[in-house]
PDB file of all heavy atoms in Angstrom:
ATOM      1  N   THR A   1      43.152 105.571  98.643  1.00  0.00           N
ATOM      2  CA  THR A   1      42.465 104.287  98.543  1.00  0.00           C
ATOM      3  C   THR A   1      41.147 104.458  97.803  1.00  0.00           C
ATOM      4  O   THR A   1      40.710 105.582  97.561  1.00  0.00           O
ATOM      5  CB  THR A   1      42.113 103.728  99.948  1.00  0.00           C
ATOM      6  OG1 THR A   1      41.110 104.562 100.549  1.00  0.00           O
ATOM      7  CG2 THR A   1      43.328 103.643 100.855  1.00  0.00           C
ATOM      8  N   THR A   2      40.514 103.335  97.510  1.00  0.00           N
ATOM      9  CA  THR A   2      39.115 103.420  97.099  1.00  0.00           C
ATOM     10  C   THR A   2      38.313 103.819  98.331  1.00  0.00           C
ATOM     11  O   THR A   2      38.825 103.812  99.461  1.00  0.00           O
ATOM     12  CB  THR A   2      38.614 102.067  96.554  1.00  0.00           C
ATOM     13  OG1 THR A   2      38.805 101.064  97.568  1.00  0.00           O
ATOM     14  CG2 THR A   2      39.347 101.673  95.275  1.00  0.00           C
ATOM     15  N   VAL A   3      37.056 104.160  98.146  1.00  0.00           N
ATOM     16  CA  VAL A   3      36.197 104.550  99.263  1.00  0.00           C
ATOM     17  C   VAL A   3      36.079 103.367 100.229  1.00  0.00           C
ATOM     18  O   VAL A   3      35.712 102.259  99.818  1.00  0.00           O
ATOM     19  CB  VAL A   3      34.803 104.983  98.751  1.00  0.00           C
ATOM     20  CG1 VAL A   3      33.867 105.270  99.918  1.00  0.00           C
ATOM     21  CG2 VAL A   3      34.923 106.197  97.830  1.00  0.00           C
ATOM     22  N   PRO A   4      36.395 103.565 101.516  1.00  0.00           N
ATOM     23  CA  PRO A   4      36.289 102.481 102.492  1.00  0.00           C
ATOM     24  C   PRO A   4      34.849 101.966 102.603  1.00  0.00           C
ATOM     25  O   PRO A   4      33.898 102.747 102.569  1.00  0.00           O
ATOM     26  CB  PRO A   4      36.736 103.134 103.804  1.00  0.00           C
ATOM     27  CG  PRO A   4      37.610 104.274 103.375  1.00  0.00           C
ATOM     28  CD  PRO A   4      36.981 104.776 102.104  1.00  0.00           C
ATOM     29  N   GLU A   5      34.729 100.645 102.718  1.00  0.00           N
ATOM     30  CA  GLU A   5      33.415 100.004 102.850  1.00  0.00           C
ATOM     31  C   GLU A   5      33.354  99.281 104.188  1.00  0.00           C
ATOM     32  O   GLU A   5      34.268  98.526 104.528  1.00  0.00           O
ATOM     33  CB  GLU A   5      33.196  99.011 101.714  1.00  0.00           C
ATOM     34  CG  GLU A   5      33.143  99.652 100.346  1.00  0.00           C
ATOM     35  CD  GLU A   5      32.932  98.639  99.234  1.00  0.00           C
ATOM     36  OE1 GLU A   5      32.555  97.482  99.530  1.00  0.00           O
ATOM     37  OE2 GLU A   5      33.166  99.011  98.072  1.00  0.00           O
ATOM     38  N   TRP A   6      32.279  99.495 104.913  1.00  0.00           N
ATOM     39  CA  TRP A   6      32.070  98.873 106.223  1.00  0.00           C
ATOM     40  C   TRP A   6      31.011  97.795 106.105  1.00  0.00           C
ATOM     41  O   TRP A   6      29.925  98.041 105.595  1.00  0.00           O
ATOM     42  CB  TRP A   6      31.585  99.920 107.228  1.00  0.00           C
ATOM     43  CG  TRP A   6      32.626 100.930 107.590  1.00  0.00           C
ATOM     44  CD1 TRP A   6      32.947 102.045 106.890  1.00  0.00           C
ATOM     45  CD2 TRP A   6      33.474 100.906 108.735  1.00  0.00           C
ATOM     46  NE1 TRP A   6      33.955 102.726 107.525  1.00  0.00           N
ATOM     47  CE2 TRP A   6      34.284 102.045 108.663  1.00  0.00           C
ATOM     48  CE3 TRP A   6      33.609 100.029 109.808  1.00  0.00           C
ATOM     49  CZ2 TRP A   6      35.239 102.333 109.636  1.00  0.00           C
ATOM     50  CZ3 TRP A   6      34.563 100.314 110.772  1.00  0.00           C
ATOM     51  CH2 TRP A   6      35.363 101.462 110.683  1.00  0.00           C
ATOM     52  N   ARG A   7      31.331  96.591 106.632  1.00  0.00           N
ATOM     53  CA  ARG A   7      30.321  95.539 106.739  1.00  0.00           C
ATOM     54  C   ARG A   7      30.803  94.446 107.669  1.00  0.00           C
ATOM     55  O   ARG A   7      31.970  94.070 107.647  1.00  0.00           O
ATOM     56  CB  ARG A   7      29.884  95.002 105.379  1.00  0.00           C
ATOM     57  CG  ARG A   7      30.836  94.113 104.638  1.00  0.00           C
ATOM     58  CD  ARG A   7      30.207  93.420 103.432  1.00  0.00           C
ATOM     59  NE  ARG A   7      30.099  94.089 102.179  1.00  0.00           N
ATOM     60  CZ  ARG A   7      31.055  94.662 101.453  1.00  0.00           C
ATOM     61  NH1 ARG A   7      32.238  94.750 101.872  1.00  0.00           N
ATOM     62  NH2 ARG A   7      30.834  95.163 100.282  1.00  0.00           N
ATOM     63  N   ASP A   8      29.887  93.984 108.487  1.00  0.00           N
ATOM     64  CA  ASP A   8      30.136  92.842 109.377  1.00  0.00           C
ATOM     65  C   ASP A   8      31.422  92.963 110.194  1.00  0.00           C
ATOM     66  O   ASP A   8      32.245  92.046 110.232  1.00  0.00           O
ATOM     67  CB  ASP A   8      30.154  91.532 108.575  1.00  0.00           C
ATOM     68  CG  ASP A   8      28.855  91.290 107.829  1.00  0.00           C
ATOM     69  OD1 ASP A   8      27.789  91.645 108.371  1.00  0.00           O
ATOM     70  OD2 ASP A   8      28.909  90.764 106.709  1.00  0.00           O
ATOM     71  N   GLY A   9      31.620  94.104 110.842  1.00  0.00           N
ATOM     72  CA  GLY A   9      32.783  94.269 111.714  1.00  0.00           C
ATOM     73  C   GLY A   9      34.104  94.430 110.992  1.00  0.00           C
ATOM     74  O   GLY A   9      35.161  94.188 111.571  1.00  0.00           O
ATOM     75  N   GLU A  10      34.056  94.847 109.728  1.00  0.00           N
ATOM     76  CA  GLU A  10      35.278  94.997 108.936  1.00  0.00           C
ATOM     77  C   GLU A  10      35.162  96.232 108.062  1.00  0.00           C
ATOM     78  O   GLU A  10      34.096  96.547 107.542  1.00  0.00           O
ATOM     79  CB  GLU A  10      35.463  93.754 108.064  1.00  0.00           C
ATOM     80  CG  GLU A  10      36.744  93.741 107.265  1.00  0.00           C
ATOM     81  CD  GLU A  10      36.976  92.402 106.583  1.00  0.00           C
ATOM     82  OE1 GLU A  10      37.489  91.483 107.265  1.00  0.00           O
ATOM     83  OE2 GLU A  10      36.619  92.279 105.406  1.00  0.00           O
ATOM     84  N   VAL A  11      36.278  96.932 107.905  1.00  0.00           N
ATOM     85  CA  VAL A  11      36.371  98.026 106.951  1.00  0.00           C
ATOM     86  C   VAL A  11      37.435  97.633 105.932  1.00  0.00           C
ATOM     87  O   VAL A  11      38.533  97.207 106.300  1.00  0.00           O
ATOM     88  CB  VAL A  11      36.674  99.387 107.622  1.00  0.00           C
ATOM     89  CG1 VAL A  11      37.971  99.369 108.416  1.00  0.00           C
ATOM     90  CG2 VAL A  11      36.680 100.514 106.583  1.00  0.00           C
ATOM     91  N   THR A  12      37.073  97.705 104.653  1.00  0.00           N
ATOM     92  CA  THR A  12      37.999  97.311 103.590  1.00  0.00           C
ATOM     93  C   THR A  12      38.100  98.415 102.547  1.00  0.00           C
ATOM     94  O   THR A  12      37.152  99.178 102.330  1.00  0.00           O
ATOM     95  CB  THR A  12      37.549  96.016 102.879  1.00  0.00           C
ATOM     96  OG1 THR A  12      36.289  96.245 102.257  1.00  0.00           O
ATOM     97  CG2 THR A  12      37.438  94.868 103.855  1.00  0.00           C
ATOM     98  N   MET A  13      39.250  98.470 101.902  1.00  0.00           N
ATOM     99  CA  MET A  13      39.495  99.413 100.825  1.00  0.00           C
ATOM    100  C   MET A  13      40.688  98.934 100.028  1.00  0.00           C
ATOM    101  O   MET A  13      41.446  98.096 100.499  1.00  0.00           O
ATOM    102  CB  MET A  13      39.722 100.839 101.338  1.00  0.00           C
ATOM    103  CG  MET A  13      40.888 101.019 102.284  1.00  0.00           C
ATOM    104  SD  MET A  13      40.353 101.334 103.969  1.00  0.00           S
ATOM    105  CE  MET A  13      40.547  99.761 104.747  1.00  0.00           C
ATOM    106  N   VAL A  14      40.834  99.460  98.822  1.00  0.00           N
ATOM    107  CA  VAL A  14      41.976  99.125  97.966  1.00  0.00           C
ATOM    108  C   VAL A  14      43.008 100.235  98.084  1.00  0.00           C
ATOM    109  O   VAL A  14      42.694 101.411  97.843  1.00  0.00           O
ATOM    110  CB  VAL A  14      41.537  98.938  96.499  1.00  0.00           C
ATOM    111  CG1 VAL A  14      42.743  98.746  95.593  1.00  0.00           C
ATOM    112  CG2 VAL A  14      40.563  97.773  96.374  1.00  0.00           C
ATOM    113  N   ASP A  15      44.208  99.872  98.461  1.00  0.00           N
ATOM    114  CA  ASP A  15      45.320 100.807  98.556  1.00  0.00           C
ATOM    115  C   ASP A  15      45.791 101.126  97.139  1.00  0.00           C
ATOM    116  O   ASP A  15      46.149 100.224  96.383  1.00  0.00           O
ATOM    117  CB  ASP A  15      46.449 100.174  99.375  1.00  0.00           C
ATOM    118  CG  ASP A  15      47.632 101.085  99.532  1.00  0.00           C
ATOM    119  OD1 ASP A  15      48.317 101.334  98.511  1.00  0.00           O
ATOM    120  OD2 ASP A  15      47.900 101.538 100.640  1.00  0.00           O
ATOM    121  N   LEU A  16      45.785 102.404  96.797  1.00  0.00           N
ATOM    122  CA  LEU A  16      46.178 102.828  95.453  1.00  0.00           C
ATOM    123  C   LEU A  16      47.566 103.474  95.431  1.00  0.00           C
ATOM    124  O   LEU A  16      47.850 104.322  94.583  1.00  0.00           O
ATOM    125  CB  LEU A  16      45.121 103.776  94.873  1.00  0.00           C
ATOM    126  CG  LEU A  16      43.765 103.103  94.638  1.00  0.00           C
ATOM    127  CD1 LEU A  16      42.700 104.135  94.290  1.00  0.00           C
ATOM    128  CD2 LEU A  16      43.870 102.026  93.552  1.00  0.00           C
ATOM    129  N   ASP A  17      48.408 103.048  96.361  1.00  0.00           N
ATOM    130  CA  ASP A  17      49.839 103.320  96.337  1.00  0.00           C
ATOM    131  C   ASP A  17      50.248 104.710  96.812  1.00  0.00           C
ATOM    132  O   ASP A  17      51.172 104.824  97.603  1.00  0.00           O
ATOM    133  CB  ASP A  17      50.443 103.082  94.942  1.00  0.00           C
ATOM    134  CG  ASP A  17      49.923 101.824  94.291  1.00  0.00           C
ATOM    135  OD1 ASP A  17      49.958 100.766  94.945  1.00  0.00           O
ATOM    136  OD2 ASP A  17      49.444 101.898  93.145  1.00  0.00           O
ATOM    137  N   LEU A  18      49.611 105.770  96.322  1.00  0.00           N
ATOM    138  CA  LEU A  18      50.027 107.122  96.681  1.00  0.00           C
ATOM    139  C   LEU A  18      49.784 107.384  98.166  1.00  0.00           C
ATOM    140  O   LEU A  18      48.764 106.955  98.720  1.00  0.00           O
ATOM    141  CB  LEU A  18      49.269 108.155  95.846  1.00  0.00           C
ATOM    142  CG  LEU A  18      49.525 108.138  94.342  1.00  0.00           C
ATOM    143  CD1 LEU A  18      48.561 109.086  93.635  1.00  0.00           C
ATOM    144  CD2 LEU A  18      50.973 108.506  94.041  1.00  0.00           C
ATOM    145  N   ASP A  19      50.717 108.096  98.790  1.00  0.00           N
ATOM    146  CA  ASP A  19      50.610 108.435 100.203  1.00  0.00           C
ATOM    147  C   ASP A  19      50.982 109.901 100.402  1.00  0.00           C
ATOM    148  O   ASP A  19      51.962 110.370  99.818  1.00  0.00           O
ATOM    149  CB  ASP A  19      51.571 107.584 101.045  1.00  0.00           C
ATOM    150  CG  ASP A  19      51.370 106.098 100.817  1.00  0.00           C
ATOM    151  OD1 ASP A  19      50.256 105.613 101.040  1.00  0.00           O
ATOM    152  OD2 ASP A  19      52.344 105.426 100.406  1.00  0.00           O
ATOM    153  N   VAL A  20      50.212 110.586 101.219  1.00  0.00           N
ATOM    154  CA  VAL A  20      50.538 111.951 101.620  1.00  0.00           C
ATOM    155  C   VAL A  20      50.997 111.866 103.076  1.00  0.00           C
ATOM    156  O   VAL A  20      50.274 111.362 103.928  1.00  0.00           O
ATOM    157  CB  VAL A  20      49.333 112.899 101.470  1.00  0.00           C
ATOM    158  CG1 VAL A  20      49.652 114.274 102.036  1.00  0.00           C
ATOM    159  CG2 VAL A  20      48.930 112.991 100.000  1.00  0.00           C
ATOM    160  N   ILE A  21      52.208 112.359 103.336  1.00  0.00           N
ATOM    161  CA  ILE A  21      52.831 112.169 104.642  1.00  0.00           C
ATOM    162  C   ILE A  21      53.266 113.518 105.213  1.00  0.00           C
ATOM    163  O   ILE A  21      53.854 114.333 104.507  1.00  0.00           O
ATOM    164  CB  ILE A  21      54.056 111.230 104.514  1.00  0.00           C
ATOM    165  CG1 ILE A  21      53.589 109.869 103.974  1.00  0.00           C
ATOM    166  CG2 ILE A  21      54.787 111.095 105.851  1.00  0.00           C
ATOM    167  CD1 ILE A  21      54.709 108.947 103.551  1.00  0.00           C
ATOM    168  N   ARG A  22      52.957 113.703 106.520  1.00  0.00           N
ATOM    169  CA  ARG A  22      53.484 114.871 107.239  1.00  0.00           C
ATOM    170  C   ARG A  22      54.323 114.348 108.397  1.00  0.00           C
ATOM    171  O   ARG A  22      53.830 113.640 109.266  1.00  0.00           O
ATOM    172  CB  ARG A  22      52.366 115.780 107.764  1.00  0.00           C
ATOM    173  CG  ARG A  22      52.926 117.038 108.438  1.00  0.00           C
ATOM    174  CD  ARG A  22      51.899 118.127 108.615  1.00  0.00           C
ATOM    175  NE  ARG A  22      51.042 117.874 109.775  1.00  0.00           N
ATOM    176  CZ  ARG A  22      49.833 118.412 109.928  1.00  0.00           C
ATOM    177  NH1 ARG A  22      49.312 119.184 108.987  1.00  0.00           N
ATOM    178  NH2 ARG A  22      49.130 118.141 111.006  1.00  0.00           N
ATOM    179  N   MET A  23      55.597 114.724 108.366  1.00  0.00           N
ATOM    180  CA  MET A  23      56.532 114.328 109.416  1.00  0.00           C
ATOM    181  C   MET A  23      56.434 115.330 110.569  1.00  0.00           C
ATOM    182  O   MET A  23      56.009 116.465 110.384  1.00  0.00           O
ATOM    183  CB  MET A  23      57.963 114.291 108.860  1.00  0.00           C
ATOM    184  CG  MET A  23      58.148 113.389 107.641  1.00  0.00           C
ATOM    185  SD  MET A  23      57.724 111.663 107.933  1.00  0.00           S
ATOM    186  CE  MET A  23      59.065 111.180 109.033  1.00  0.00           C
ATOM    187  N   ARG A  24      56.867 114.924 111.743  1.00  0.00           N
ATOM    188  CA  ARG A  24      56.833 115.823 112.906  1.00  0.00           C
ATOM    189  C   ARG A  24      57.741 117.028 112.725  1.00  0.00           C
ATOM    190  O   ARG A  24      57.505 118.079 113.318  1.00  0.00           O
ATOM    191  CB  ARG A  24      57.226 115.083 114.181  1.00  0.00           C
ATOM    192  CG  ARG A  24      56.160 114.128 114.589  1.00  0.00           C
ATOM    193  CD  ARG A  24      55.908 114.064 116.050  1.00  0.00           C
ATOM    194  NE  ARG A  24      54.998 112.955 116.257  1.00  0.00           N
ATOM    195  CZ  ARG A  24      53.685 113.057 116.278  1.00  0.00           C
ATOM    196  NH1 ARG A  24      53.123 114.237 116.148  1.00  0.00           N
ATOM    197  NH2 ARG A  24      52.925 112.005 116.428  1.00  0.00           N
ATOM    198  N   ASP A  25      58.772 116.895 111.885  1.00  0.00           N
ATOM    199  CA  ASP A  25      59.672 118.030 111.656  1.00  0.00           C
ATOM    200  C   ASP A  25      59.103 119.032 110.651  1.00  0.00           C
ATOM    201  O   ASP A  25      59.755 120.004 110.300  1.00  0.00           O
ATOM    202  CB  ASP A  25      61.060 117.546 111.221  1.00  0.00           C
ATOM    203  CG  ASP A  25      61.062 116.845 109.857  1.00  0.00           C
ATOM    204  OD1 ASP A  25      60.044 116.871 109.126  1.00  0.00           O
ATOM    205  OD2 ASP A  25      62.108 116.251 109.515  1.00  0.00           O
ATOM    206  N   GLY A  26      57.860 118.778 110.163  1.00  0.00           N
ATOM    207  CA  GLY A  26      57.192 119.721 109.273  1.00  0.00           C
ATOM    208  C   GLY A  26      57.247 119.366 107.802  1.00  0.00           C
ATOM    209  O   GLY A  26      56.528 119.949 106.993  1.00  0.00           O
ATOM    210  N   ARG A  27      58.100 118.425 107.421  1.00  0.00           N
ATOM    211  CA  ARG A  27      58.155 118.032 106.008  1.00  0.00           C
ATOM    212  C   ARG A  27      56.835 117.379 105.597  1.00  0.00           C
ATOM    213  O   ARG A  27      56.282 116.570 106.334  1.00  0.00           O
ATOM    214  CB  ARG A  27      59.301 117.053 105.754  1.00  0.00           C
ATOM    215  CG  ARG A  27      60.675 117.674 105.818  1.00  0.00           C
ATOM    216  CD  ARG A  27      61.769 116.648 105.594  1.00  0.00           C
ATOM    217  NE  ARG A  27      61.746 115.676 106.690  1.00  0.00           N
ATOM    218  CZ  ARG A  27      61.863 114.360 106.521  1.00  0.00           C
ATOM    219  NH1 ARG A  27      62.019 113.836 105.325  1.00  0.00           N
ATOM    220  NH2 ARG A  27      61.839 113.541 107.567  1.00  0.00           N
ATOM    221  N   ILE A  28      56.373 117.729 104.405  1.00  0.00           N
ATOM    222  CA  ILE A  28      55.149 117.151 103.839  1.00  0.00           C
ATOM    223  C   ILE A  28      55.484 116.730 102.418  1.00  0.00           C
ATOM    224  O   ILE A  28      56.079 117.501 101.650  1.00  0.00           O
ATOM    225  CB  ILE A  28      53.997 118.174 103.835  1.00  0.00           C
ATOM    226  CG1 ILE A  28      53.684 118.612 105.271  1.00  0.00           C
ATOM    227  CG2 ILE A  28      52.757 117.590 103.160  1.00  0.00           C
ATOM    228  CD1 ILE A  28      52.777 119.811 105.376  1.00  0.00           C
ATOM    229  N   PHE A  29      55.111 115.487 102.053  1.00  0.00           N
ATOM    230  CA  PHE A  29      55.445 115.025 100.709  1.00  0.00           C
ATOM    231  C   PHE A  29      54.455 113.968 100.226  1.00  0.00           C
ATOM    232  O   PHE A  29      53.773 113.322 101.015  1.00  0.00           O
ATOM    233  CB  PHE A  29      56.885 114.504 100.644  1.00  0.00           C
ATOM    234  CG  PHE A  29      57.210 113.421 101.649  1.00  0.00           C
ATOM    235  CD1 PHE A  29      57.122 112.081 101.306  1.00  0.00           C
ATOM    236  CD2 PHE A  29      57.610 113.748 102.933  1.00  0.00           C
ATOM    237  CE1 PHE A  29      57.431 111.083 102.226  1.00  0.00           C
ATOM    238  CE2 PHE A  29      57.930 112.765 103.866  1.00  0.00           C
ATOM    239  CZ  PHE A  29      57.826 111.424 103.507  1.00  0.00           C
ATOM    240  N   LEU A  30      54.411 113.844  98.907  1.00  0.00           N
ATOM    241  CA  LEU A  30      53.638 112.805  98.238  1.00  0.00           C
ATOM    242  C   LEU A  30      54.602 111.660  97.958  1.00  0.00           C
ATOM    243  O   LEU A  30      55.632 111.862  97.316  1.00  0.00           O
ATOM    244  CB  LEU A  30      53.032 113.344  96.939  1.00  0.00           C
ATOM    245  CG  LEU A  30      52.203 112.362  96.114  1.00  0.00           C
ATOM    246  CD1 LEU A  30      50.979 111.878  96.892  1.00  0.00           C
ATOM    247  CD2 LEU A  30      51.775 113.021  94.800  1.00  0.00           C
ATOM    248  N   ASP A  31      54.266 110.469  98.446  1.00  0.00           N
ATOM    249  CA  ASP A  31      55.160 109.328  98.347  1.00  0.00           C
ATOM    250  C   ASP A  31      54.599 108.268  97.401  1.00  0.00           C
ATOM    251  O   ASP A  31      53.389 108.187  97.185  1.00  0.00           O
ATOM    252  CB  ASP A  31      55.362 108.728  99.748  1.00  0.00           C
ATOM    253  CG  ASP A  31      56.596 107.860  99.846  1.00  0.00           C
ATOM    254  OD1 ASP A  31      57.540 108.042  99.044  1.00  0.00           O
ATOM    255  OD2 ASP A  31      56.628 107.001 100.746  1.00  0.00           O
ATOM    256  N   ASP A  32      55.483 107.451  96.886  1.00  0.00           N
ATOM    257  CA  ASP A  32      55.177 106.264  96.081  1.00  0.00           C
ATOM    258  C   ASP A  32      54.544 106.556  94.716  1.00  0.00           C
ATOM    259  O   ASP A  32      53.773 105.748  94.196  1.00  0.00           O
ATOM    260  CB  ASP A  32      54.306 105.273  96.864  1.00  0.00           C
ATOM    261  CG  ASP A  32      55.074 104.637  98.019  1.00  0.00           C
ATOM    262  OD1 ASP A  32      56.317 104.577  97.937  1.00  0.00           O
ATOM    263  OD2 ASP A  32      54.434 104.211  98.990  1.00  0.00           O
ATOM    264  N   GLU A  33      54.921 107.680  94.113  1.00  0.00           N
ATOM    265  CA  GLU A  33      54.439 107.964  92.761  1.00  0.00           C
ATOM    266  C   GLU A  33      54.956 106.923  91.766  1.00  0.00           C
ATOM    267  O   GLU A  33      54.259 106.572  90.817  1.00  0.00           O
ATOM    268  CB  GLU A  33      54.847 109.374  92.335  1.00  0.00           C
ATOM    269  CG  GLU A  33      54.106 110.445  93.102  1.00  0.00           C
ATOM    270  CD  GLU A  33      54.450 111.838  92.631  1.00  0.00           C
ATOM    271  OE1 GLU A  33      53.765 112.309  91.702  1.00  0.00           O
ATOM    272  OE2 GLU A  33      55.386 112.436  93.189  1.00  0.00           O
ATOM    273  N   ASP A  34      56.174 106.408  92.011  1.00  0.00           N
ATOM    274  CA  ASP A  34      56.725 105.376  91.136  1.00  0.00           C
ATOM    275  C   ASP A  34      55.904 104.092  91.231  1.00  0.00           C
ATOM    276  O   ASP A  34      55.603 103.451  90.216  1.00  0.00           O
ATOM    277  CB  ASP A  34      58.194 105.108  91.471  1.00  0.00           C
ATOM    278  CG  ASP A  34      58.433 104.764  92.940  1.00  0.00           C
ATOM    279  OD1 ASP A  34      57.575 105.096  93.805  1.00  0.00           O
ATOM    280  OD2 ASP A  34      59.477 104.160  93.242  1.00  0.00           O
ATOM    281  N   GLU A  35      55.513 103.712  92.432  1.00  0.00           N
ATOM    282  CA  GLU A  35      54.678 102.518  92.625  1.00  0.00           C
ATOM    283  C   GLU A  35      53.304 102.709  91.976  1.00  0.00           C
ATOM    284  O   GLU A  35      52.763 101.787  91.358  1.00  0.00           O
ATOM    285  CB  GLU A  35      54.517 102.243  94.123  1.00  0.00           C
ATOM    286  CG  GLU A  35      53.832 100.952  94.448  1.00  0.00           C
ATOM    287  CD  GLU A  35      53.738 100.698  95.948  1.00  0.00           C
ATOM    288  OE1 GLU A  35      54.514 101.277  96.719  1.00  0.00           O
ATOM    289  OE2 GLU A  35      52.860  99.912  96.334  1.00  0.00           O
ATOM    290  N   PHE A  36      52.749 103.905  92.084  1.00  0.00           N
ATOM    291  CA  PHE A  36      51.456 104.209  91.460  1.00  0.00           C
ATOM    292  C   PHE A  36      51.564 104.043  89.938  1.00  0.00           C
ATOM    293  O   PHE A  36      50.696 103.411  89.312  1.00  0.00           O
ATOM    294  CB  PHE A  36      51.027 105.628  91.831  1.00  0.00           C
ATOM    295  CG  PHE A  36      49.684 106.038  91.281  1.00  0.00           C
ATOM    296  CD1 PHE A  36      48.519 105.383  91.663  1.00  0.00           C
ATOM    297  CD2 PHE A  36      49.588 107.117  90.419  1.00  0.00           C
ATOM    298  CE1 PHE A  36      47.283 105.783  91.167  1.00  0.00           C
ATOM    299  CE2 PHE A  36      48.364 107.527  89.923  1.00  0.00           C
ATOM    300  CZ  PHE A  36      47.205 106.858  90.302  1.00  0.00           C
TER     301      PHE A  36
END
C-alpha cells in the first residue's frame, strides 16, 4: 500500500494490488502480480 495515514479516528491507504502471503502450511508467495 501507500504509507498509511492516521487522522480523526481513521487510517487510510491506497492498496497497490501486490500481496505477500504466508499460509499456515508454510507456503509463502507473492500474489496479484497480474492485477498490479
